[in-house]
Amino acid sequence: MHKIGYLGPEGTFSQQAAQHYCFNKQEAALVSLPSIREVLLSVQRNELDLAVIPFENSLEGSVNIVLDVLAWEVDLLIVDELILPISQTLMVTPGADWERISSVYTHPQSAGQCRLFLETHLPQAKVYLTSSNAEGANQAQMSGRTAGAIGPEAAADKFGLQVVLRNIQDKNNNFTRFVVVGKKSIHLPAGRNKTSIVFSTEHTPGSLACILDIFNLWDINMTKIESRPSRGQLGRYIFFIDIDGHLSNPDVRDALTMVQRKTNFYKFLGSYPMAEID
């Protein structure tokens, strides 16, 4: 039986994504772990077969811990992706007046997605950032009648909280891209594919532009570029890029070969089917 990990405990958006991914898949057991880093390391250690982890959100951007661990700590591949709509819910201990709560527990991503709501409707509440939304609901339940939590509605059912408001995110077009990570590719090229890499260049004028020109030369569409600190000298960065196409395509393969030659750090992160917004 395949073991598939996700950020727990039960009641997180990551659990919902893992359940969605496993729908109609036989012999799959879901395993919750307390941090995204531990989920990825468990796949690296062969304790899990796959992991379903949040990669980026349409309002808050990328999940930095995922980028950093994939770049520096594990040798894993993105093998699939899925995009899910995210509805943030305000939940409180039963009987509490939500407009008077003094504390709100939630994951940093959810706090960012609801920043305007918190500033406008709960200016008196102190926001406590937690390792997951489910853990936030758990802490709210334990803290007393003045506490609330933000996260998926499933967390309210799990931890005995009362849902008072739904869809409190700052924008309705709130989607999270989850990626499925493993040690080897599990798909042949699909109708539409995506390839992800991370690299660094020499700290010289035009070095990054030279890399980007390679994709232009091979007429390859770049769909994402993001930088993260290189963990070395201040002001030095590594770059994450997504492009359309699969490594099996000759143009993609040739372009990436040229990119690898012109970088001082290069890591292939996978070719996989491109997800559509659900």
Protein backbone atom coordinates (compact mmCIF):
# COMPACT_ATOMS: atom_id res chain seq x y z
CA MET A 1 0.00 0.00 0.00
CA HIS A 2 1.32 3.43 -0.98
CA LYS A 3 1.77 5.87 1.90
CA ILE A 4 1.09 9.51 1.04
CA GLY A 5 2.02 12.23 3.50
CA TYR A 6 0.51 15.64 4.16
CA LEU A 7 0.76 18.51 6.64
CA GLY A 8 -1.41 17.56 9.62
CA PRO A 9 -3.09 17.08 11.91
CA GLU A 10 -6.43 16.19 10.36
CA GLY A 11 -8.49 19.17 9.30
CA THR A 12 -5.98 21.04 7.11
CA PHE A 13 -6.25 22.20 3.51
CA SER A 14 -3.34 19.86 2.83
CA GLN A 15 -5.44 16.91 3.99
CA GLN A 16 -8.21 18.00 1.64
CA ALA A 17 -5.71 18.17 -1.22
CA ALA A 18 -4.31 14.72 -0.35
CA GLN A 19 -7.82 13.26 -0.26
CA HIS A 20 -8.58 14.89 -3.60
CA TYR A 21 -5.41 13.47 -5.10
CA CYS A 22 -6.12 9.98 -3.77
CA PHE A 23 -9.75 9.93 -4.91
CA ASN A 24 -10.33 6.75 -6.96
CA LYS A 25 -6.76 5.61 -6.25
CA GLN A 26 -6.59 2.14 -4.75
CA GLU A 27 -4.31 1.05 -1.91
CA ALA A 28 -3.33 4.53 -0.70
CA ALA A 29 -2.97 5.38 2.99
CA LEU A 30 -2.77 9.00 4.10
CA VAL A 31 -0.25 9.92 6.80
CA SER A 32 -0.27 13.27 8.63
CA LEU A 33 2.95 14.84 9.91
CA PRO A 34 3.46 18.01 11.97
CA SER A 35 5.48 20.08 9.47
CA ILE A 36 6.01 20.40 5.73
CA ARG A 37 9.74 19.84 6.20
CA GLU A 38 9.11 16.57 8.03
CA VAL A 39 6.74 15.43 5.27
CA LEU A 40 9.41 15.99 2.61
CA LEU A 41 12.18 14.44 4.68
CA SER A 42 10.00 11.36 5.27
CA VAL A 43 9.76 10.85 1.51
CA GLN A 44 13.53 11.29 1.24
CA ARG A 45 14.01 8.62 3.93
CA ASN A 46 11.62 6.22 2.12
CA GLU A 47 9.17 6.34 5.02
CA LEU A 48 6.56 7.72 2.61
CA ASP A 49 6.05 7.03 -1.08
CA LEU A 50 4.67 10.47 -1.95
CA ALA A 51 3.81 13.78 -0.32
CA VAL A 52 1.09 16.29 -1.18
CA ILE A 53 2.27 19.74 -0.13
CA PRO A 54 1.15 23.36 -0.72
CA PHE A 55 3.45 25.08 -3.22
CA GLU A 56 1.96 28.50 -3.93
CA ASN A 57 -1.18 30.52 -3.35
CA SER A 58 -2.80 33.03 -5.69
CA LEU A 59 -2.92 35.68 -2.93
CA GLU A 60 0.15 34.98 -0.80
CA GLY A 61 2.59 33.51 -3.30
CA SER A 62 4.97 30.61 -2.76
CA VAL A 63 5.43 28.58 0.41
CA ASN A 64 9.08 29.41 1.09
CA ILE A 65 9.87 26.38 3.25
CA VAL A 66 8.91 24.12 0.34
CA LEU A 67 11.24 25.95 -2.07
CA ASP A 68 14.12 25.84 0.39
CA VAL A 69 13.80 22.16 1.29
CA LEU A 70 13.44 21.10 -2.36
CA ALA A 71 16.52 23.12 -3.30
CA TRP A 72 18.88 22.22 -0.45
CA GLU A 73 17.74 19.32 1.72
CA VAL A 74 16.20 16.57 -0.40
CA ASP A 75 16.65 14.95 -3.78
CA LEU A 76 13.00 14.68 -4.81
CA LEU A 77 10.92 15.33 -7.91
CA ILE A 78 7.59 17.04 -8.44
CA VAL A 79 5.54 14.29 -10.11
CA ASP A 80 2.08 15.88 -10.25
CA GLU A 81 0.15 18.99 -9.25
CA LEU A 82 -3.40 20.00 -8.42
CA ILE A 83 -5.06 23.37 -7.92
CA LEU A 84 -7.84 23.76 -5.38
CA PRO A 85 -10.07 26.70 -4.44
CA ILE A 86 -9.46 27.82 -0.85
CA SER A 87 -12.33 29.07 1.32
CA GLN A 88 -11.20 30.52 4.64
CA THR A 89 -13.59 30.13 7.58
CA LEU A 90 -13.74 31.99 10.87
CA MET A 91 -14.60 29.61 13.71
CA VAL A 92 -14.92 30.27 17.43
CA THR A 93 -15.51 28.31 20.60
CA PRO A 94 -19.27 27.59 20.92
CA GLY A 95 -21.23 30.56 22.18
CA ALA A 96 -18.46 33.14 21.73
CA ASP A 97 -19.23 36.52 20.15
CA TRP A 98 -16.89 36.54 17.16
CA GLU A 99 -16.68 40.35 17.07
CA ARG A 100 -15.28 40.38 20.62
CA ILE A 101 -12.67 37.62 20.43
CA SER A 102 -9.25 38.68 21.63
CA SER A 103 -7.12 36.07 19.85
CA VAL A 104 -7.08 34.28 16.50
CA TYR A 105 -5.00 31.18 15.75
CA THR A 106 -4.09 30.32 12.18
CA HIS A 107 -1.33 29.30 9.76
CA PRO A 108 0.77 32.17 8.30
CA GLN A 109 -0.59 31.58 4.78
CA SER A 110 -4.19 31.83 5.96
CA ALA A 111 -3.39 34.93 8.00
CA GLY A 112 -1.97 36.56 4.88
CA GLN A 113 -4.97 35.56 2.78
CA CYS A 114 -7.29 37.21 5.34
CA ARG A 115 -5.16 40.25 6.21
CA LEU A 116 -7.78 42.86 5.29
CA PHE A 117 -10.54 40.97 7.10
CA LEU A 118 -8.49 40.80 10.28
CA GLU A 119 -7.53 44.47 10.15
CA THR A 120 -11.09 45.61 9.39
CA HIS A 121 -13.25 43.32 11.51
CA LEU A 122 -10.96 42.06 14.28
CA PRO A 123 -8.49 44.87 15.00
CA GLN A 124 -8.54 44.03 18.72
CA ALA A 125 -7.59 40.38 18.21
CA LYS A 126 -4.00 39.22 18.49
CA VAL A 127 -3.07 36.79 15.71
CA TYR A 128 -1.10 33.71 16.78
CA LEU A 129 0.65 31.89 13.92
CA THR A 130 0.59 28.10 14.11
CA SER A 131 2.21 25.21 12.26
CA SER A 132 -1.08 24.33 10.53
CA ASN A 133 -4.68 25.48 10.44
CA ALA A 134 -5.78 22.36 12.26
CA GLU A 135 -3.31 23.09 15.04
CA GLY A 136 -4.70 26.63 15.15
CA ALA A 137 -8.23 25.29 15.62
CA ASN A 138 -6.94 22.98 18.34
CA GLN A 139 -5.25 25.84 20.20
CA ALA A 140 -8.35 28.03 19.90
CA GLN A 141 -10.48 25.25 21.36
CA MET A 142 -8.13 24.87 24.31
CA SER A 143 -7.73 28.59 25.02
CA GLY A 144 -11.28 29.48 26.04
CA ARG A 145 -14.39 31.38 24.97
CA THR A 146 -12.63 34.48 23.62
CA ALA A 147 -10.58 32.66 20.97
CA GLY A 148 -11.12 32.07 17.28
CA ALA A 149 -9.36 30.30 14.43
CA ILE A 150 -9.15 30.70 10.66
CA GLY A 151 -8.89 27.73 8.33
CA PRO A 152 -10.94 25.07 6.54
CA GLU A 153 -14.44 24.36 7.80
CA ALA A 154 -13.41 20.75 8.39
CA ALA A 155 -11.22 21.94 11.27
CA ALA A 156 -14.30 23.27 13.08
CA ASP A 157 -15.95 19.85 12.93
CA LYS A 158 -12.74 18.15 14.04
CA PHE A 159 -12.08 20.37 17.08
CA GLY A 160 -15.59 21.27 18.18
CA LEU A 161 -15.63 24.91 17.09
CA GLN A 162 -18.56 26.93 15.77
CA VAL A 163 -18.43 28.32 12.24
CA VAL A 164 -19.49 31.97 12.23
CA LEU A 165 -18.29 33.32 8.87
CA ARG A 166 -17.31 31.68 5.59
CA ASN A 167 -15.27 32.95 2.64
CA ILE A 168 -13.44 35.62 4.65
CA GLN A 169 -10.38 35.63 2.37
CA ASP A 170 -9.53 39.05 0.95
CA LYS A 171 -10.18 37.98 -2.67
CA ASN A 172 -12.56 35.37 -4.04
CA ASN A 173 -10.03 34.09 -6.57
CA ASN A 174 -8.15 32.28 -3.83
CA PHE A 175 -6.48 29.13 -5.17
CA THR A 176 -3.61 27.04 -3.89
CA ARG A 177 -1.36 24.97 -6.10
CA PHE A 178 -0.39 21.73 -4.39
CA VAL A 179 2.41 19.55 -5.73
CA VAL A 180 2.88 15.82 -5.36
CA VAL A 181 6.50 14.95 -4.60
CA GLY A 182 8.29 11.62 -4.85
CA LYS A 183 11.60 10.03 -5.73
CA LYS A 184 10.82 9.15 -9.33
CA SER A 185 8.48 10.25 -12.10
CA ILE A 186 5.16 8.41 -12.19
CA HIS A 187 3.61 9.86 -15.37
CA LEU A 188 4.27 9.71 -19.08
CA PRO A 189 3.93 13.06 -20.86
CA ALA A 190 0.34 14.29 -20.76
CA GLY A 191 -1.55 16.63 -23.09
CA ARG A 192 -0.13 19.68 -21.28
CA ASN A 193 2.98 19.47 -19.16
CA LYS A 194 5.10 21.62 -16.90
CA THR A 195 8.78 21.41 -15.98
CA SER A 196 10.38 22.95 -12.89
CA ILE A 197 14.04 23.74 -12.21
CA VAL A 198 16.12 25.73 -9.71
CA PHE A 199 19.52 27.26 -10.46
CA SER A 200 21.96 30.05 -9.70
CA THR A 201 24.19 32.07 -12.00
CA GLU A 202 27.42 33.98 -11.75
CA HIS A 203 27.00 37.36 -10.05
CA THR A 204 27.82 39.28 -13.23
CA PRO A 205 25.85 41.68 -15.47
CA GLY A 206 23.46 39.88 -17.82
CA SER A 207 23.96 36.39 -16.40
CA LEU A 208 20.28 35.86 -15.56
CA ALA A 209 19.16 37.49 -18.81
CA CYS A 210 21.37 35.01 -20.66
CA ILE A 211 19.46 32.12 -19.08
CA LEU A 212 16.08 33.63 -19.88
CA ASP A 213 17.14 34.21 -23.49
CA ILE A 214 17.66 30.45 -23.85
CA PHE A 215 13.95 29.82 -23.33
CA ASN A 216 13.13 32.58 -25.81
CA LEU A 217 15.51 31.07 -28.36
CA TRP A 218 13.77 27.69 -28.12
CA ASP A 219 10.31 29.35 -28.07
CA ILE A 220 9.50 27.94 -24.62
CA ASN A 221 6.96 29.72 -22.43
CA MET A 222 8.13 30.49 -18.91
CA THR A 223 5.19 30.50 -16.46
CA LYS A 224 6.95 31.29 -13.16
CA ILE A 225 10.18 32.77 -11.91
CA GLU A 226 10.99 33.38 -8.25
CA SER A 227 14.13 34.02 -6.27
CA ARG A 228 15.21 32.81 -2.85
CA PRO A 229 18.37 33.65 -0.87
CA SER A 230 21.28 31.41 -1.77
CA ARG A 231 22.15 30.89 1.91
CA GLY A 232 25.56 32.28 1.17
CA GLN A 233 26.53 35.89 0.66
CA LEU A 234 23.89 38.58 1.17
CA GLY A 235 22.44 39.65 -2.17
CA ARG A 236 23.05 36.31 -3.91
CA TYR A 237 20.02 34.29 -5.01
CA ILE A 238 18.83 31.05 -6.53
CA PHE A 239 16.00 31.11 -9.08
CA PHE A 240 13.02 28.79 -9.41
CA ILE A 241 11.51 28.58 -12.88
CA ASP A 242 8.50 26.76 -14.32
CA ILE A 243 8.21 26.31 -18.08
CA ASP A 244 5.63 24.79 -20.38
CA GLY A 245 6.58 21.38 -21.74
CA HIS A 246 8.08 18.04 -20.71
CA LEU A 247 11.71 16.95 -20.51
CA SER A 248 10.97 14.32 -23.17
CA ASN A 249 10.35 17.12 -25.68
CA PRO A 250 13.58 17.69 -27.66
CA ASP A 251 13.33 21.49 -27.45
CA VAL A 252 12.83 21.41 -23.68
CA ARG A 253 15.67 18.91 -23.25
CA ASP A 254 18.05 20.95 -25.40
CA ALA A 255 17.14 24.23 -23.68
CA LEU A 256 17.67 22.75 -20.21
CA THR A 257 20.99 21.26 -21.29
CA MET A 258 22.13 24.72 -22.30
CA VAL A 259 20.81 26.23 -19.04
CA GLN A 260 22.76 23.66 -17.04
CA ARG A 261 25.96 24.56 -18.89
CA LYS A 262 25.59 28.25 -18.08
CA THR A 263 24.76 27.95 -14.37
CA ASN A 264 26.94 27.30 -11.35
CA PHE A 265 24.14 25.46 -9.52
CA TYR A 266 21.37 23.56 -11.29
CA LYS A 267 18.71 21.14 -10.08
CA PHE A 268 15.95 19.51 -12.10
CA LEU A 269 12.73 19.43 -10.04
CA GLY A 270 10.53 17.41 -12.36
CA SER A 271 8.31 17.24 -15.45
CA TYR A 272 4.66 16.49 -14.74
CA PRO A 273 1.08 17.00 -16.00
CA MET A 274 -0.14 20.59 -15.79
CA ALA A 275 -3.15 21.01 -13.53
CA GLU A 276 -6.27 22.96 -14.39
CA ILE A 277 -8.10 25.12 -11.88
CA ASP A 278 -10.69 22.90 -10.22
